Structures are given as structure tokens and as C-alpha cells.
Amino acid sequence: LFEYWGHEASLLPLSLYPLLRWRMRQASQGVGIYQEMAKFGR
């Protein structure tokens, strides 16, 4: 398993990791995360 934002903070099977990399890419651009965290990232 791995931890990530699935349905809130979640444990997910490794088979779903490729299906959530888009969310990681968006988060790095400040999309789909809390405004304060996006601001911190910038």
C-alpha cells in the first residue's frame, strides 16, 4: 500500500499509484490543494 490523498488521507493499493500521479502533478502546480498550501508552494 501507499499513503496519499485518495478519499481524504488514505491508504491505497500500489496498483492505484499510476492513477493518482495526475493529482500529484496538479498539486505541484498549486491546483487541487488548499489555497494556503498552494500559496506556500509559490
PDB file of all heavy atoms in Angstrom:
ATOM      1  N   LEU A   1       0.837  -1.196   0.000  1.00  0.00           N
ATOM      2  CA  LEU A   1       0.000   0.000   0.000  1.00  0.00           C
ATOM      3  C   LEU A   1       0.875   1.251   0.000  1.00  0.00           C
ATOM      4  O   LEU A   1       2.071   1.197   0.266  1.00  0.00           O
ATOM      5  CB  LEU A   1      -0.907   0.032   1.238  1.00  0.00           C
ATOM      6  CG  LEU A   1      -1.728  -1.221   1.564  1.00  0.00           C
ATOM      7  CD1 LEU A   1      -2.511  -1.006   2.855  1.00  0.00           C
ATOM      8  CD2 LEU A   1      -2.652  -1.586   0.418  1.00  0.00           C
ATOM      9  N   PHE A   2       0.249   2.374  -0.273  1.00  0.00           N
ATOM     10  CA  PHE A   2       0.917   3.665  -0.126  1.00  0.00           C
ATOM     11  C   PHE A   2      -0.092   4.663   0.424  1.00  0.00           C
ATOM     12  O   PHE A   2      -1.306   4.464   0.338  1.00  0.00           O
ATOM     13  CB  PHE A   2       1.505   4.145  -1.453  1.00  0.00           C
ATOM     14  CG  PHE A   2       0.482   4.599  -2.472  1.00  0.00           C
ATOM     15  CD1 PHE A   2       0.254   5.946  -2.712  1.00  0.00           C
ATOM     16  CD2 PHE A   2      -0.257   3.666  -3.210  1.00  0.00           C
ATOM     17  CE1 PHE A   2      -0.689   6.362  -3.651  1.00  0.00           C
ATOM     18  CE2 PHE A   2      -1.194   4.071  -4.155  1.00  0.00           C
ATOM     19  CZ  PHE A   2      -1.407   5.429  -4.376  1.00  0.00           C
ATOM     20  N   GLU A   3       0.423   5.718   1.017  1.00  0.00           N
ATOM     21  CA  GLU A   3      -0.437   6.778   1.538  1.00  0.00           C
ATOM     22  C   GLU A   3      -0.522   7.923   0.541  1.00  0.00           C
ATOM     23  O   GLU A   3       0.488   8.334  -0.031  1.00  0.00           O
ATOM     24  CB  GLU A   3       0.100   7.323   2.864  1.00  0.00           C
ATOM     25  CG  GLU A   3      -0.140   6.429   4.055  1.00  0.00           C
ATOM     26  CD  GLU A   3       0.104   7.148   5.382  1.00  0.00           C
ATOM     27  OE1 GLU A   3      -0.377   8.295   5.534  1.00  0.00           O
ATOM     28  OE2 GLU A   3       0.784   6.564   6.239  1.00  0.00           O
ATOM     29  N   TYR A   4      -1.732   8.422   0.353  1.00  0.00           N
ATOM     30  CA  TYR A   4      -1.902   9.626  -0.450  1.00  0.00           C
ATOM     31  C   TYR A   4      -3.320  10.142  -0.247  1.00  0.00           C
ATOM     32  O   TYR A   4      -4.120   9.563   0.492  1.00  0.00           O
ATOM     33  CB  TYR A   4      -1.616   9.352  -1.939  1.00  0.00           C
ATOM     34  CG  TYR A   4      -1.459  10.641  -2.732  1.00  0.00           C
ATOM     35  CD1 TYR A   4      -0.462  11.551  -2.402  1.00  0.00           C
ATOM     36  CD2 TYR A   4      -2.328  10.962  -3.769  1.00  0.00           C
ATOM     37  CE1 TYR A   4      -0.321  12.746  -3.092  1.00  0.00           C
ATOM     38  CE2 TYR A   4      -2.194  12.162  -4.461  1.00  0.00           C
ATOM     39  CZ  TYR A   4      -1.195  13.048  -4.112  1.00  0.00           C
ATOM     40  OH  TYR A   4      -1.069  14.237  -4.777  1.00  0.00           O
ATOM     41  N   TRP A   5      -3.607  11.255  -0.938  1.00  0.00           N
ATOM     42  CA  TRP A   5      -4.955  11.828  -0.898  1.00  0.00           C
ATOM     43  C   TRP A   5      -5.842  11.077  -1.879  1.00  0.00           C
ATOM     44  O   TRP A   5      -5.856  11.359  -3.074  1.00  0.00           O
ATOM     45  CB  TRP A   5      -4.890  13.323  -1.237  1.00  0.00           C
ATOM     46  CG  TRP A   5      -4.096  14.102  -0.240  1.00  0.00           C
ATOM     47  CD1 TRP A   5      -2.843  14.611  -0.385  1.00  0.00           C
ATOM     48  CD2 TRP A   5      -4.499  14.439   1.089  1.00  0.00           C
ATOM     49  NE1 TRP A   5      -2.434  15.245   0.753  1.00  0.00           N
ATOM     50  CE2 TRP A   5      -3.430  15.159   1.683  1.00  0.00           C
ATOM     51  CE3 TRP A   5      -5.651  14.201   1.845  1.00  0.00           C
ATOM     52  CZ2 TRP A   5      -3.487  15.628   2.988  1.00  0.00           C
ATOM     53  CZ3 TRP A   5      -5.702  14.677   3.148  1.00  0.00           C
ATOM     54  CH2 TRP A   5      -4.636  15.380   3.698  1.00  0.00           C
ATOM     55  N   GLY A   6      -6.555  10.067  -1.389  1.00  0.00           N
ATOM     56  CA  GLY A   6      -7.485   9.302  -2.200  1.00  0.00           C
ATOM     57  C   GLY A   6      -8.882   9.805  -1.926  1.00  0.00           C
ATOM     58  O   GLY A   6      -9.441  10.637  -2.635  1.00  0.00           O
ATOM     59  N   HIS A   7      -9.468   9.283  -0.843  1.00  0.00           N
ATOM     60  CA  HIS A   7     -10.696   9.862  -0.290  1.00  0.00           C
ATOM     61  C   HIS A   7     -10.259  10.446   1.044  1.00  0.00           C
ATOM     62  O   HIS A   7     -10.194   9.751   2.050  1.00  0.00           O
ATOM     63  CB  HIS A   7     -11.750   8.772  -0.084  1.00  0.00           C
ATOM     64  CG  HIS A   7     -13.055   9.294   0.456  1.00  0.00           C
ATOM     65  ND1 HIS A   7     -14.107   9.615  -0.356  1.00  0.00           N
ATOM     66  CD2 HIS A   7     -13.456   9.566   1.720  1.00  0.00           C
ATOM     67  CE1 HIS A   7     -15.116  10.049   0.386  1.00  0.00           C
ATOM     68  NE2 HIS A   7     -14.746  10.021   1.649  1.00  0.00           N
ATOM     69  N   GLU A   8      -9.938  11.719   1.069  1.00  0.00           N
ATOM     70  CA  GLU A   8      -9.204  12.302   2.199  1.00  0.00           C
ATOM     71  C   GLU A   8      -7.851  11.580   2.332  1.00  0.00           C
ATOM     72  O   GLU A   8      -7.390  10.949   1.391  1.00  0.00           O
ATOM     73  CB  GLU A   8     -10.039  12.239   3.492  1.00  0.00           C
ATOM     74  CG  GLU A   8     -11.389  12.939   3.401  1.00  0.00           C
ATOM     75  CD  GLU A   8     -11.268  14.445   3.143  1.00  0.00           C
ATOM     76  OE1 GLU A   8     -10.278  15.054   3.574  1.00  0.00           O
ATOM     77  OE2 GLU A   8     -12.158  15.001   2.480  1.00  0.00           O
ATOM     78  N   ALA A   9      -7.209  11.676   3.496  1.00  0.00           N
ATOM     79  CA  ALA A   9      -5.959  10.941   3.721  1.00  0.00           C
ATOM     80  C   ALA A   9      -6.274   9.455   3.697  1.00  0.00           C
ATOM     81  O   ALA A   9      -7.186   9.000   4.389  1.00  0.00           O
ATOM     82  CB  ALA A   9      -5.356  11.340   5.062  1.00  0.00           C
ATOM     83  N   SER A  10      -5.515   8.693   2.915  1.00  0.00           N
ATOM     84  CA  SER A  10      -5.920   7.316   2.649  1.00  0.00           C
ATOM     85  C   SER A  10      -4.724   6.385   2.513  1.00  0.00           C
ATOM     86  O   SER A  10      -3.624   6.798   2.153  1.00  0.00           O
ATOM     87  CB  SER A  10      -6.728   7.241   1.336  1.00  0.00           C
ATOM     88  OG  SER A  10      -7.829   8.110   1.349  1.00  0.00           O
ATOM     89  N   LEU A  11      -4.989   5.111   2.773  1.00  0.00           N
ATOM     90  CA  LEU A  11      -4.119   4.012   2.368  1.00  0.00           C
ATOM     91  C   LEU A  11      -4.714   3.420   1.097  1.00  0.00           C
ATOM     92  O   LEU A  11      -5.920   3.121   1.054  1.00  0.00           O
ATOM     93  CB  LEU A  11      -4.047   2.941   3.453  1.00  0.00           C
ATOM     94  CG  LEU A  11      -3.150   3.225   4.658  1.00  0.00           C
ATOM     95  CD1 LEU A  11      -3.409   2.205   5.753  1.00  0.00           C
ATOM     96  CD2 LEU A  11      -1.675   3.207   4.251  1.00  0.00           C
ATOM     97  N   LEU A  12      -3.879   3.239   0.075  1.00  0.00           N
ATOM     98  CA  LEU A  12      -4.353   2.753  -1.216  1.00  0.00           C
ATOM     99  C   LEU A  12      -3.443   1.647  -1.722  1.00  0.00           C
ATOM    100  O   LEU A  12      -2.242   1.634  -1.425  1.00  0.00           O
ATOM    101  CB  LEU A  12      -4.374   3.884  -2.241  1.00  0.00           C
ATOM    102  CG  LEU A  12      -5.143   5.148  -1.855  1.00  0.00           C
ATOM    103  CD1 LEU A  12      -4.191   6.311  -1.630  1.00  0.00           C
ATOM    104  CD2 LEU A  12      -6.169   5.514  -2.900  1.00  0.00           C
ATOM    105  N   PRO A  13      -3.985   0.705  -2.509  1.00  0.00           N
ATOM    106  CA  PRO A  13      -3.129  -0.334  -3.098  1.00  0.00           C
ATOM    107  C   PRO A  13      -2.159   0.274  -4.106  1.00  0.00           C
ATOM    108  O   PRO A  13      -2.481   1.256  -4.786  1.00  0.00           O
ATOM    109  CB  PRO A  13      -4.126  -1.280  -3.774  1.00  0.00           C
ATOM    110  CG  PRO A  13      -5.382  -0.508  -3.936  1.00  0.00           C
ATOM    111  CD  PRO A  13      -5.407   0.521  -2.849  1.00  0.00           C
ATOM    112  N   LEU A  14      -0.980  -0.320  -4.215  1.00  0.00           N
ATOM    113  CA  LEU A  14       0.040   0.200  -5.127  1.00  0.00           C
ATOM    114  C   LEU A  14      -0.451   0.267  -6.571  1.00  0.00           C
ATOM    115  O   LEU A  14       0.013   1.093  -7.363  1.00  0.00           O
ATOM    116  CB  LEU A  14       1.298  -0.671  -5.054  1.00  0.00           C
ATOM    117  CG  LEU A  14       2.111  -0.559  -3.754  1.00  0.00           C
ATOM    118  CD1 LEU A  14       3.193  -1.631  -3.715  1.00  0.00           C
ATOM    119  CD2 LEU A  14       2.723   0.835  -3.610  1.00  0.00           C
ATOM    120  N   SER A  15      -1.411  -0.596  -6.916  1.00  0.00           N
ATOM    121  CA  SER A  15      -1.934  -0.603  -8.285  1.00  0.00           C
ATOM    122  C   SER A  15      -2.594   0.727  -8.656  1.00  0.00           C
ATOM    123  O   SER A  15      -2.734   1.047  -9.842  1.00  0.00           O
ATOM    124  CB  SER A  15      -2.949  -1.740  -8.455  1.00  0.00           C
ATOM    125  OG  SER A  15      -4.022  -1.597  -7.535  1.00  0.00           O
ATOM    126  N   LEU A  16      -2.994   1.525  -7.662  1.00  0.00           N
ATOM    127  CA  LEU A  16      -3.643   2.803  -7.950  1.00  0.00           C
ATOM    128  C   LEU A  16      -2.654   3.967  -8.040  1.00  0.00           C
ATOM    129  O   LEU A  16      -3.047   5.079  -8.386  1.00  0.00           O
ATOM    130  CB  LEU A  16      -4.697   3.116  -6.880  1.00  0.00           C
ATOM    131  CG  LEU A  16      -5.941   2.223  -6.856  1.00  0.00           C
ATOM    132  CD1 LEU A  16      -6.985   2.784  -5.902  1.00  0.00           C
ATOM    133  CD2 LEU A  16      -6.546   2.078  -8.249  1.00  0.00           C
ATOM    134  N   TYR A  17      -1.387   3.725  -7.734  1.00  0.00           N
ATOM    135  CA  TYR A  17      -0.409   4.816  -7.763  1.00  0.00           C
ATOM    136  C   TYR A  17      -0.359   5.509  -9.135  1.00  0.00           C
ATOM    137  O   TYR A  17      -0.407   6.753  -9.197  1.00  0.00           O
ATOM    138  CB  TYR A  17       0.978   4.291  -7.368  1.00  0.00           C
ATOM    139  CG  TYR A  17       1.998   5.371  -7.115  1.00  0.00           C
ATOM    140  CD1 TYR A  17       2.128   5.950  -5.856  1.00  0.00           C
ATOM    141  CD2 TYR A  17       2.846   5.821  -8.134  1.00  0.00           C
ATOM    142  CE1 TYR A  17       3.067   6.947  -5.619  1.00  0.00           C
ATOM    143  CE2 TYR A  17       3.782   6.809  -7.905  1.00  0.00           C
ATOM    144  CZ  TYR A  17       3.893   7.372  -6.646  1.00  0.00           C
ATOM    145  OH  TYR A  17       4.819   8.366  -6.416  1.00  0.00           O
ATOM    146  N   PRO A  18      -0.302   4.756 -10.247  1.00  0.00           N
ATOM    147  CA  PRO A  18      -0.285   5.437 -11.549  1.00  0.00           C
ATOM    148  C   PRO A  18      -1.547   6.265 -11.813  1.00  0.00           C
ATOM    149  O   PRO A  18      -1.497   7.246 -12.565  1.00  0.00           O
ATOM    150  CB  PRO A  18      -0.180   4.276 -12.555  1.00  0.00           C
ATOM    151  CG  PRO A  18       0.411   3.145 -11.773  1.00  0.00           C
ATOM    152  CD  PRO A  18      -0.153   3.292 -10.392  1.00  0.00           C
ATOM    153  N   LEU A  19      -2.672   5.883 -11.193  1.00  0.00           N
ATOM    154  CA  LEU A  19      -3.929   6.597 -11.412  1.00  0.00           C
ATOM    155  C   LEU A  19      -4.019   7.890 -10.610  1.00  0.00           C
ATOM    156  O   LEU A  19      -4.972   8.656 -10.779  1.00  0.00           O
ATOM    157  CB  LEU A  19      -5.120   5.703 -11.057  1.00  0.00           C
ATOM    158  CG  LEU A  19      -5.266   4.396 -11.829  1.00  0.00           C
ATOM    159  CD1 LEU A  19      -6.553   3.680 -11.448  1.00  0.00           C
ATOM    160  CD2 LEU A  19      -5.241   4.640 -13.338  1.00  0.00           C
ATOM    161  N   LEU A  20      -3.041   8.124  -9.732  1.00  0.00           N
ATOM    162  CA  LEU A  20      -3.078   9.332  -8.907  1.00  0.00           C
ATOM    163  C   LEU A  20      -1.907  10.279  -9.177  1.00  0.00           C
ATOM    164  O   LEU A  20      -1.805  11.328  -8.549  1.00  0.00           O
ATOM    165  CB  LEU A  20      -3.112   8.952  -7.426  1.00  0.00           C
ATOM    166  CG  LEU A  20      -4.466   8.390  -6.980  1.00  0.00           C
ATOM    167  CD1 LEU A  20      -4.345   7.653  -5.659  1.00  0.00           C
ATOM    168  CD2 LEU A  20      -5.505   9.507  -6.873  1.00  0.00           C
ATOM    169  N   ARG A  21      -1.064   9.926 -10.136  1.00  0.00           N
ATOM    170  CA  ARG A  21       0.076  10.808 -10.429  1.00  0.00           C
ATOM    171  C   ARG A  21      -0.388  12.143 -11.036  1.00  0.00           C
ATOM    172  O   ARG A  21       0.270  13.173 -10.861  1.00  0.00           O
ATOM    173  CB  ARG A  21       1.066  10.107 -11.354  1.00  0.00           C
ATOM    174  CG  ARG A  21       1.710   8.896 -10.679  1.00  0.00           C
ATOM    175  CD  ARG A  21       2.824   8.283 -11.470  1.00  0.00           C
ATOM    176  NE  ARG A  21       4.081   9.016 -11.248  1.00  0.00           N
ATOM    177  CZ  ARG A  21       5.279   8.478 -11.425  1.00  0.00           C
ATOM    178  NH1 ARG A  21       5.390   7.212 -11.802  1.00  0.00           N
ATOM    179  NH2 ARG A  21       6.367   9.183 -11.223  1.00  0.00           N
ATOM    180  N   TRP A  22      -1.517  12.138 -11.734  1.00  0.00           N
ATOM    181  CA  TRP A  22      -2.040  13.401 -12.267  1.00  0.00           C
ATOM    182  C   TRP A  22      -2.348  14.372 -11.126  1.00  0.00           C
ATOM    183  O   TRP A  22      -2.142  15.586 -11.256  1.00  0.00           O
ATOM    184  CB  TRP A  22      -3.308  13.161 -13.106  1.00  0.00           C
ATOM    185  CG  TRP A  22      -4.477  12.671 -12.295  1.00  0.00           C
ATOM    186  CD1 TRP A  22      -4.761  11.375 -11.985  1.00  0.00           C
ATOM    187  CD2 TRP A  22      -5.474  13.464 -11.668  1.00  0.00           C
ATOM    188  NE1 TRP A  22      -5.885  11.304 -11.195  1.00  0.00           N
ATOM    189  CE2 TRP A  22      -6.346  12.569 -10.986  1.00  0.00           C
ATOM    190  CE3 TRP A  22      -5.746  14.833 -11.600  1.00  0.00           C
ATOM    191  CZ2 TRP A  22      -7.451  13.010 -10.257  1.00  0.00           C
ATOM    192  CZ3 TRP A  22      -6.841  15.269 -10.867  1.00  0.00           C
ATOM    193  CH2 TRP A  22      -7.683  14.357 -10.212  1.00  0.00           C
ATOM    194  N   ARG A  23      -2.836  13.817 -10.007  1.00  0.00           N
ATOM    195  CA  ARG A  23      -3.155  14.668  -8.848  1.00  0.00           C
ATOM    196  C   ARG A  23      -1.869  15.247  -8.264  1.00  0.00           C
ATOM    197  O   ARG A  23      -1.837  16.397  -7.812  1.00  0.00           O
ATOM    198  CB  ARG A  23      -3.926  13.857  -7.819  1.00  0.00           C
ATOM    199  CG  ARG A  23      -4.384  14.636  -6.602  1.00  0.00           C
ATOM    200  CD  ARG A  23      -5.418  13.852  -5.799  1.00  0.00           C
ATOM    201  NE  ARG A  23      -6.714  13.881  -6.458  1.00  0.00           N
ATOM    202  CZ  ARG A  23      -7.751  13.115  -6.101  1.00  0.00           C
ATOM    203  NH1 ARG A  23      -7.624  12.237  -5.108  1.00  0.00           N
ATOM    204  NH2 ARG A  23      -8.897  13.213  -6.745  1.00  0.00           N
ATOM    205  N   MET A  24      -0.808  14.453  -8.265  1.00  0.00           N
ATOM    206  CA  MET A  24       0.489  14.937  -7.783  1.00  0.00           C
ATOM    207  C   MET A  24       1.015  16.036  -8.699  1.00  0.00           C
ATOM    208  O   MET A  24       1.529  17.053  -8.224  1.00  0.00           O
ATOM    209  CB  MET A  24       1.478  13.770  -7.706  1.00  0.00           C
ATOM    210  CG  MET A  24       1.062  12.663  -6.752  1.00  0.00           C
ATOM    211  SD  MET A  24       2.166  11.220  -6.837  1.00  0.00           S
ATOM    212  CE  MET A  24       1.241  10.023  -5.857  1.00  0.00           C
ATOM    213  N   ARG A  25       0.880  15.831 -10.016  1.00  0.00           N
ATOM    214  CA  ARG A  25       1.328  16.856 -10.973  1.00  0.00           C
ATOM    215  C   ARG A  25       0.567  18.162 -10.755  1.00  0.00           C
ATOM    216  O   ARG A  25       1.154  19.249 -10.738  1.00  0.00           O
ATOM    217  CB  ARG A  25       1.132  16.378 -12.410  1.00  0.00           C
ATOM    218  CG  ARG A  25       2.064  15.269 -12.857  1.00  0.00           C
ATOM    219  CD  ARG A  25       2.034  15.097 -14.364  1.00  0.00           C
ATOM    220  NE  ARG A  25       0.723  14.700 -14.879  1.00  0.00           N
ATOM    221  CZ  ARG A  25       0.324  13.432 -15.042  1.00  0.00           C
ATOM    222  NH1 ARG A  25       1.143  12.443 -14.718  1.00  0.00           N
ATOM    223  NH2 ARG A  25      -0.867  13.155 -15.532  1.00  0.00           N
ATOM    224  N   GLN A  26      -0.749  18.050 -10.582  1.00  0.00           N
ATOM    225  CA  GLN A  26      -1.550  19.257 -10.373  1.00  0.00           C
ATOM    226  C   GLN A  26      -1.183  19.946  -9.061  1.00  0.00           C
ATOM    227  O   GLN A  26      -1.108  21.176  -8.991  1.00  0.00           O
ATOM    228  CB  GLN A  26      -3.041  18.904 -10.387  1.00  0.00           C
ATOM    229  CG  GLN A  26      -3.570  18.566 -11.765  1.00  0.00           C
ATOM    230  CD  GLN A  26      -5.092  18.579 -11.822  1.00  0.00           C
ATOM    231  OE1 GLN A  26      -5.771  18.684 -10.804  1.00  0.00           O
ATOM    232  NE2 GLN A  26      -5.629  18.471 -13.027  1.00  0.00           N
ATOM    233  N   ALA A  27      -0.953  19.139  -8.016  1.00  0.00           N
ATOM    234  CA  ALA A  27      -0.591  19.723  -6.718  1.00  0.00           C
ATOM    235  C   ALA A  27       0.696  20.535  -6.822  1.00  0.00           C
ATOM    236  O   ALA A  27       0.824  21.608  -6.219  1.00  0.00           O
ATOM    237  CB  ALA A  27      -0.444  18.625  -5.675  1.00  0.00           C
ATOM    238  N   SER A  28       1.661  20.037  -7.599  1.00  0.00           N
ATOM    239  CA  SER A  28       2.932  20.754  -7.755  1.00  0.00           C
ATOM    240  C   SER A  28       2.739  22.098  -8.456  1.00  0.00           C
ATOM    241  O   SER A  28       3.582  22.991  -8.344  1.00  0.00           O
ATOM    242  CB  SER A  28       3.933  19.896  -8.535  1.00  0.00           C
ATOM    243  OG  SER A  28       3.543  19.770  -9.893  1.00  0.00           O
ATOM    244  N   GLN A  29       1.602  22.236  -9.160  1.00  0.00           N
ATOM    245  CA  GLN A  29       1.270  23.488  -9.833  1.00  0.00           C
ATOM    246  C   GLN A  29       0.282  24.329  -9.022  1.00  0.00           C
ATOM    247  O   GLN A  29      -0.222  25.347  -9.495  1.00  0.00           O
ATOM    248  CB  GLN A  29       0.690  23.189 -11.214  1.00  0.00           C
ATOM    249  CG  GLN A  29       1.656  22.447 -12.132  1.00  0.00           C
ATOM    250  CD  GLN A  29       0.951  21.732 -13.277  1.00  0.00           C
ATOM    251  OE1 GLN A  29      -0.239  21.931 -13.509  1.00  0.00           O
ATOM    252  NE2 GLN A  29       1.694  20.898 -13.992  1.00  0.00           N
ATOM    253  N   GLY A  30      -0.016  23.862  -7.797  1.00  0.00           N
ATOM    254  CA  GLY A  30      -0.919  24.609  -6.924  1.00  0.00           C
ATOM    255  C   GLY A  30      -2.386  24.378  -7.213  1.00  0.00           C
ATOM    256  O   GLY A  30      -3.247  25.131  -6.749  1.00  0.00           O
ATOM    257  N   VAL A  31      -2.697  23.314  -7.961  1.00  0.00           N
ATOM    258  CA  VAL A  31      -4.088  23.011  -8.337  1.00  0.00           C
ATOM    259  C   VAL A  31      -4.598  21.839  -7.505  1.00  0.00           C
ATOM    260  O   VAL A  31      -3.894  20.842  -7.303  1.00  0.00           O
ATOM    261  CB  VAL A  31      -4.176  22.660  -9.844  1.00  0.00           C
ATOM    262  CG1 VAL A  31      -5.609  22.280 -10.220  1.00  0.00           C
ATOM    263  CG2 VAL A  31      -3.675  23.818 -10.683  1.00  0.00           C
ATOM    264  N   GLY A  32      -5.840  21.953  -7.008  1.00  0.00           N
ATOM    265  CA  GLY A  32      -6.459  20.850  -6.286  1.00  0.00           C
ATOM    266  C   GLY A  32      -5.973  20.679  -4.862  1.00  0.00           C
ATOM    267  O   GLY A  32      -6.224  19.651  -4.241  1.00  0.00           O
ATOM    268  N   ILE A  33      -5.268  21.686  -4.317  1.00  0.00           N
ATOM    269  CA  ILE A  33      -4.823  21.631  -2.921  1.00  0.00           C
ATOM    270  C   ILE A  33      -5.341  22.878  -2.206  1.00  0.00           C
ATOM    271  O   ILE A  33      -5.858  23.809  -2.832  1.00  0.00           O
ATOM    272  CB  ILE A  33      -3.284  21.538  -2.811  1.00  0.00           C
ATOM    273  CG1 ILE A  33      -2.602  22.688  -3.551  1.00  0.00           C
ATOM    274  CG2 ILE A  33      -2.791  20.196  -3.340  1.00  0.00           C
ATOM    275  CD1 ILE A  33      -1.082  22.708  -3.423  1.00  0.00           C
ATOM    276  N   TYR A  34      -5.208  22.888  -0.885  1.00  0.00           N
ATOM    277  CA  TYR A  34      -5.673  24.032  -0.114  1.00  0.00           C
ATOM    278  C   TYR A  34      -4.979  25.311  -0.569  1.00  0.00           C
ATOM    279  O   TYR A  34      -3.796  25.306  -0.921  1.00  0.00           O
ATOM    280  CB  TYR A  34      -5.417  23.811   1.377  1.00  0.00           C
ATOM    281  CG  TYR A  34      -6.145  22.635   1.960  1.00  0.00           C
ATOM    282  CD1 TYR A  34      -5.443  21.558   2.489  1.00  0.00           C
ATOM    283  CD2 TYR A  34      -7.537  22.594   1.982  1.00  0.00           C
ATOM    284  CE1 TYR A  34      -6.108  20.461   3.035  1.00  0.00           C
ATOM    285  CE2 TYR A  34      -8.211  21.511   2.513  1.00  0.00           C
ATOM    286  CZ  TYR A  34      -7.498  20.447   3.039  1.00  0.00           C
ATOM    287  OH  TYR A  34      -8.161  19.369   3.560  1.00  0.00           O
ATOM    288  N   GLN A  35      -5.702  26.405  -0.536  1.00  0.00           N
ATOM    289  CA  GLN A  35      -5.157  27.683  -1.018  1.00  0.00           C
ATOM    290  C   GLN A  35      -3.888  28.074  -0.269  1.00  0.00           C
ATOM    291  O   GLN A  35      -2.931  28.571  -0.868  1.00  0.00           O
ATOM    292  CB  GLN A  35      -6.213  28.785  -0.881  1.00  0.00           C
ATOM    293  CG  GLN A  35      -7.341  28.678  -1.890  1.00  0.00           C
ATOM    294  CD  GLN A  35      -8.300  29.850  -1.806  1.00  0.00           C
ATOM    295  OE1 GLN A  35      -8.142  30.736  -0.968  1.00  0.00           O
ATOM    296  NE2 GLN A  35      -9.301  29.868  -2.668  1.00  0.00           N
ATOM    297  N   GLU A  36      -3.895  27.860   1.057  1.00  0.00           N
ATOM    298  CA  GLU A  36      -2.720  28.229   1.843  1.00  0.00           C
ATOM    299  C   GLU A  36      -1.495  27.415   1.428  1.00  0.00           C
ATOM    300  O   GLU A  36      -0.381  27.930   1.384  1.00  0.00           O
ATOM    301  CB  GLU A  36      -2.999  28.038   3.335  1.00  0.00           C
ATOM    302  CG  GLU A  36      -3.815  29.140   3.967  1.00  0.00           C
ATOM    303  CD  GLU A  36      -3.115  30.499   3.880  1.00  0.00           C
ATOM    304  OE1 GLU A  36      -1.917  30.571   4.221  1.00  0.00           O
ATOM    305  OE2 GLU A  36      -3.758  31.470   3.448  1.00  0.00           O
ATOM    306  N   MET A  37      -1.719  26.126   1.111  1.00  0.00           N
ATOM    307  CA  MET A  37      -0.606  25.284   0.685  1.00  0.00           C
ATOM    308  C   MET A  37      -0.126  25.695  -0.707  1.00  0.00           C
ATOM    309  O   MET A  37       1.082  25.713  -0.984  1.00  0.00           O
ATOM    310  CB  MET A  37      -0.986  23.811   0.700  1.00  0.00           C
ATOM    311  CG  MET A  37       0.193  22.878   0.429  1.00  0.00           C
ATOM    312  SD  MET A  37      -0.233  21.132   0.515  1.00  0.00           S
ATOM    313  CE  MET A  37      -0.547  20.979   2.274  1.00  0.00           C
ATOM    314  N   ALA A  38      -1.067  26.017  -1.584  1.00  0.00           N
ATOM    315  CA  ALA A  38      -0.683  26.475  -2.922  1.00  0.00           C
ATOM    316  C   ALA A  38       0.142  27.761  -2.833  1.00  0.00           C
ATOM    317  O   ALA A  38       1.154  27.919  -3.531  1.00  0.00           O
ATOM    318  CB  ALA A  38      -1.931  26.694  -3.774  1.00  0.00           C
ATOM    319  N   LYS A  39      -0.287  28.677  -1.959  1.00  0.00           N
ATOM    320  CA  LYS A  39       0.446  29.925  -1.753  1.00  0.00           C
ATOM    321  C   LYS A  39       1.847  29.640  -1.210  1.00  0.00           C
ATOM    322  O   LYS A  39       2.837  30.247  -1.650  1.00  0.00           O
ATOM    323  CB  LYS A  39      -0.330  30.815  -0.783  1.00  0.00           C
ATOM    324  CG  LYS A  39       0.340  32.147  -0.496  1.00  0.00           C
ATOM    325  CD  LYS A  39      -0.464  32.958   0.522  1.00  0.00           C
ATOM    326  CE  LYS A  39       0.248  34.276   0.839  1.00  0.00           C
ATOM    327  NZ  LYS A  39      -0.463  35.037   1.907  1.00  0.00           N
ATOM    328  N   PHE A  40       1.927  28.705  -0.253  1.00  0.00           N
ATOM    329  CA  PHE A  40       3.225  28.327   0.301  1.00  0.00           C
ATOM    330  C   PHE A  40       4.135  27.782  -0.802  1.00  0.00           C
ATOM    331  O   PHE A  40       5.321  28.108  -0.859  1.00  0.00           O
ATOM    332  CB  PHE A  40       3.033  27.276   1.399  1.00  0.00           C
ATOM    333  CG  PHE A  40       4.298  26.893   2.110  1.00  0.00           C
ATOM    334  CD1 PHE A  40       4.723  27.591   3.229  1.00  0.00           C
ATOM    335  CD2 PHE A  40       5.067  25.832   1.660  1.00  0.00           C
ATOM    336  CE1 PHE A  40       5.906  27.246   3.882  1.00  0.00           C
ATOM    337  CE2 PHE A  40       6.245  25.471   2.304  1.00  0.00           C
ATOM    338  CZ  PHE A  40       6.665  26.178   3.423  1.00  0.00           C
ATOM    339  N   GLY A  41       3.571  26.965  -1.680  1.00  0.00           N
ATOM    340  CA  GLY A  41       4.348  26.397  -2.776  1.00  0.00           C
ATOM    341  C   GLY A  41       4.890  27.451  -3.716  1.00  0.00           C
ATOM    342  O   GLY A  41       5.994  27.313  -4.266  1.00  0.00           O
ATOM    343  N   ARG A  42       4.128  28.518  -3.926  1.00  0.00           N
ATOM    344  CA  ARG A  42       4.583  29.595  -4.815  1.00  0.00           C
ATOM    345  C   ARG A  42       5.666  30.450  -4.153  1.00  0.00           C
ATOM    346  O   ARG A  42       6.606  30.885  -4.810  1.00  0.00           O
ATOM    347  CB  ARG A  42       3.393  30.495  -5.204  1.00  0.00           C
ATOM    348  CG  ARG A  42       2.377  29.841  -6.119  1.00  0.00           C
ATOM    349  CD  ARG A  42       1.412  30.885  -6.672  1.00  0.00           C
ATOM    350  NE  ARG A  42       0.695  31.610  -5.618  1.00  0.00           N
ATOM    351  CZ  ARG A  42      -0.462  31.219  -5.086  1.00  0.00           C
ATOM    352  NH1 ARG A  42      -1.024  30.085  -5.498  1.00  0.00           N
ATOM    353  NH2 ARG A  42      -1.057  31.944  -4.147  1.00  0.00           N
TER     354      ARG A  42
END
